[in-house]
């Protein structure tokens, strides 16, 4: 028996989405856009779990490590930032 695909509507960005990433388990979705906030969502229903705030430019890329402890974001503000996935605390940032 096949199941129809159910779209997930991610309503949490003010500008166009630039990248979406699933974690390894597939239960979380990370999204970034041409605004300054990265978001994390439950993949099963699209509920937003939280945000990663700190960039001052558009966000271009996002990724998480294999055990979903840390999230890395890259921005047009010429910085990369490393976040604690669960607390959204910024652990490290560097100008590139």
C-alpha atoms as a PDB file:
ATOM      1  CA  UNK A   1       0.000   0.000   0.000  1.00  0.00           C
ATOM      2  CA  UNK A   2       1.493   3.319  -1.001  1.00  0.00           C
ATOM      3  CA  UNK A   3       1.072   6.480   1.018  1.00  0.00           C
ATOM      4  CA  UNK A   4       0.555   9.816  -0.680  1.00  0.00           C
ATOM      5  CA  UNK A   5       3.218  12.430  -0.102  1.00  0.00           C
ATOM      6  CA  UNK A   6       2.170  15.077   2.369  1.00  0.00           C
ATOM      7  CA  UNK A   7       3.762  18.511   1.889  1.00  0.00           C
ATOM      8  CA  UNK A   8       5.239  20.321   4.875  1.00  0.00           C
ATOM      9  CA  UNK A   9       4.743  24.076   4.967  1.00  0.00           C
ATOM     10  CA  UNK A  10       7.609  25.821   6.774  1.00  0.00           C
ATOM     11  CA  UNK A  11       6.263  29.221   7.814  1.00  0.00           C
ATOM     12  CA  UNK A  12       9.113  30.822   9.675  1.00  0.00           C
ATOM     13  CA  UNK A  13      11.183  32.804   7.215  1.00  0.00           C
ATOM     14  CA  UNK A  14      10.618  36.341   5.994  1.00  0.00           C
ATOM     15  CA  UNK A  15      12.549  35.852   2.724  1.00  0.00           C
ATOM     16  CA  UNK A  16      13.318  33.087   0.212  1.00  0.00           C
ATOM     17  CA  UNK A  17      14.694  29.793   1.555  1.00  0.00           C
ATOM     18  CA  UNK A  18      18.272  29.127   0.440  1.00  0.00           C
ATOM     19  CA  UNK A  19      18.870  25.638   1.897  1.00  0.00           C
ATOM     20  CA  UNK A  20      17.089  22.864   3.764  1.00  0.00           C
ATOM     21  CA  UNK A  21      18.865  19.939   5.467  1.00  0.00           C
ATOM     22  CA  UNK A  22      17.592  16.856   7.267  1.00  0.00           C
ATOM     23  CA  UNK A  23      19.573  15.410  10.138  1.00  0.00           C
ATOM     24  CA  UNK A  24      20.837  11.814   9.840  1.00  0.00           C
ATOM     25  CA  UNK A  25      17.820  10.338  11.645  1.00  0.00           C
ATOM     26  CA  UNK A  26      15.409  12.297   9.458  1.00  0.00           C
ATOM     27  CA  UNK A  27      13.351  13.604  12.378  1.00  0.00           C
ATOM     28  CA  UNK A  28      14.590  17.217  12.149  1.00  0.00           C
ATOM     29  CA  UNK A  29      14.763  19.724   9.303  1.00  0.00           C
ATOM     30  CA  UNK A  30      17.110  22.722   9.381  1.00  0.00           C
ATOM     31  CA  UNK A  31      16.313  25.680   7.125  1.00  0.00           C
ATOM     32  CA  UNK A  32      18.027  28.938   6.234  1.00  0.00           C
ATOM     33  CA  UNK A  33      16.900  31.810   4.038  1.00  0.00           C
ATOM     34  CA  UNK A  34      17.798  35.249   2.794  1.00  0.00           C
ATOM     35  CA  UNK A  35      16.771  36.546   6.209  1.00  0.00           C
ATOM     36  CA  UNK A  36      19.086  36.327   9.239  1.00  0.00           C
ATOM     37  CA  UNK A  37      17.586  33.383  11.153  1.00  0.00           C
ATOM     38  CA  UNK A  38      18.149  29.621  10.931  1.00  0.00           C
ATOM     39  CA  UNK A  39      15.241  27.411  12.004  1.00  0.00           C
ATOM     40  CA  UNK A  40      14.838  23.823  13.154  1.00  0.00           C
ATOM     41  CA  UNK A  41      11.591  21.888  12.613  1.00  0.00           C
ATOM     42  CA  UNK A  42      10.032  18.497  13.342  1.00  0.00           C
ATOM     43  CA  UNK A  43       9.954  16.701   9.994  1.00  0.00           C
ATOM     44  CA  UNK A  44       6.801  14.741  10.821  1.00  0.00           C
ATOM     45  CA  UNK A  45       4.505  17.777  11.057  1.00  0.00           C
ATOM     46  CA  UNK A  46       6.526  20.927  10.237  1.00  0.00           C
ATOM     47  CA  UNK A  47       6.290  22.328  13.777  1.00  0.00           C
ATOM     48  CA  UNK A  48       9.083  24.796  14.471  1.00  0.00           C
ATOM     49  CA  UNK A  49      11.233  23.788  17.445  1.00  0.00           C
ATOM     50  CA  UNK A  50      13.455  26.829  17.589  1.00  0.00           C
ATOM     51  CA  UNK A  51      15.675  29.404  15.944  1.00  0.00           C
ATOM     52  CA  UNK A  52      19.371  30.244  15.816  1.00  0.00           C
ATOM     53  CA  UNK A  53      19.765  34.039  16.014  1.00  0.00           C
ATOM     54  CA  UNK A  54      22.967  36.025  15.601  1.00  0.00           C
ATOM     55  CA  UNK A  55      23.781  36.536  11.937  1.00  0.00           C
ATOM     56  CA  UNK A  56      23.385  39.979  10.367  1.00  0.00           C
ATOM     57  CA  UNK A  57      23.229  38.905   6.706  1.00  0.00           C
ATOM     58  CA  UNK A  58      21.371  36.433   4.531  1.00  0.00           C
ATOM     59  CA  UNK A  59      22.025  32.799   5.396  1.00  0.00           C
ATOM     60  CA  UNK A  60      23.326  30.615   2.585  1.00  0.00           C
ATOM     61  CA  UNK A  61      24.062  27.227   4.141  1.00  0.00           C
ATOM     62  CA  UNK A  62      23.343  24.989   7.115  1.00  0.00           C
ATOM     63  CA  UNK A  63      24.434  21.540   8.265  1.00  0.00           C
ATOM     64  CA  UNK A  64      24.458  19.482  11.444  1.00  0.00           C
ATOM     65  CA  UNK A  65      26.902  16.863  12.696  1.00  0.00           C
ATOM     66  CA  UNK A  66      26.134  13.128  12.601  1.00  0.00           C
ATOM     67  CA  UNK A  67      24.645  13.007  16.129  1.00  0.00           C
ATOM     68  CA  UNK A  68      22.748  16.331  15.793  1.00  0.00           C
ATOM     69  CA  UNK A  69      24.606  17.991  18.676  1.00  0.00           C
ATOM     70  CA  UNK A  70      25.903  20.955  16.692  1.00  0.00           C
ATOM     71  CA  UNK A  71      24.642  23.051  13.791  1.00  0.00           C
ATOM     72  CA  UNK A  72      26.858  25.096  11.464  1.00  0.00           C
ATOM     73  CA  UNK A  73      25.570  28.095   9.502  1.00  0.00           C
ATOM     74  CA  UNK A  74      27.203  30.279   6.844  1.00  0.00           C
ATOM     75  CA  UNK A  75      26.074  33.811   6.069  1.00  0.00           C
ATOM     76  CA  UNK A  76      26.509  36.787   3.763  1.00  0.00           C
ATOM     77  CA  UNK A  77      27.801  38.652   6.837  1.00  0.00           C
ATOM     78  CA  UNK A  78      31.039  36.715   6.061  1.00  0.00           C
ATOM     79  CA  UNK A  79      30.779  34.566   9.178  1.00  0.00           C
ATOM     80  CA  UNK A  80      30.344  30.911   9.999  1.00  0.00           C
ATOM     81  CA  UNK A  81      28.716  30.120  13.325  1.00  0.00           C
ATOM     82  CA  UNK A  82      28.592  26.903  15.310  1.00  0.00           C
ATOM     83  CA  UNK A  83      25.521  26.371  17.512  1.00  0.00           C
ATOM     84  CA  UNK A  84      24.467  23.911  20.166  1.00  0.00           C
ATOM     85  CA  UNK A  85      21.530  22.218  18.445  1.00  0.00           C
ATOM     86  CA  UNK A  86      19.356  21.799  21.535  1.00  0.00           C
ATOM     87  CA  UNK A  87      19.916  25.114  23.336  1.00  0.00           C
ATOM     88  CA  UNK A  88      20.623  27.332  20.275  1.00  0.00           C
ATOM     89  CA  UNK A  89      23.610  28.736  22.188  1.00  0.00           C
ATOM     90  CA  UNK A  90      26.315  30.070  19.863  1.00  0.00           C
ATOM     91  CA  UNK A  91      29.464  28.062  20.573  1.00  0.00           C
ATOM     92  CA  UNK A  92      31.878  29.612  18.086  1.00  0.00           C
ATOM     93  CA  UNK A  93      31.995  32.054  15.187  1.00  0.00           C
ATOM     94  CA  UNK A  94      34.624  33.155  12.747  1.00  0.00           C
ATOM     95  CA  UNK A  95      34.911  35.722   9.994  1.00  0.00           C
ATOM     96  CA  UNK A  96      35.755  34.139   6.650  1.00  0.00           C
END
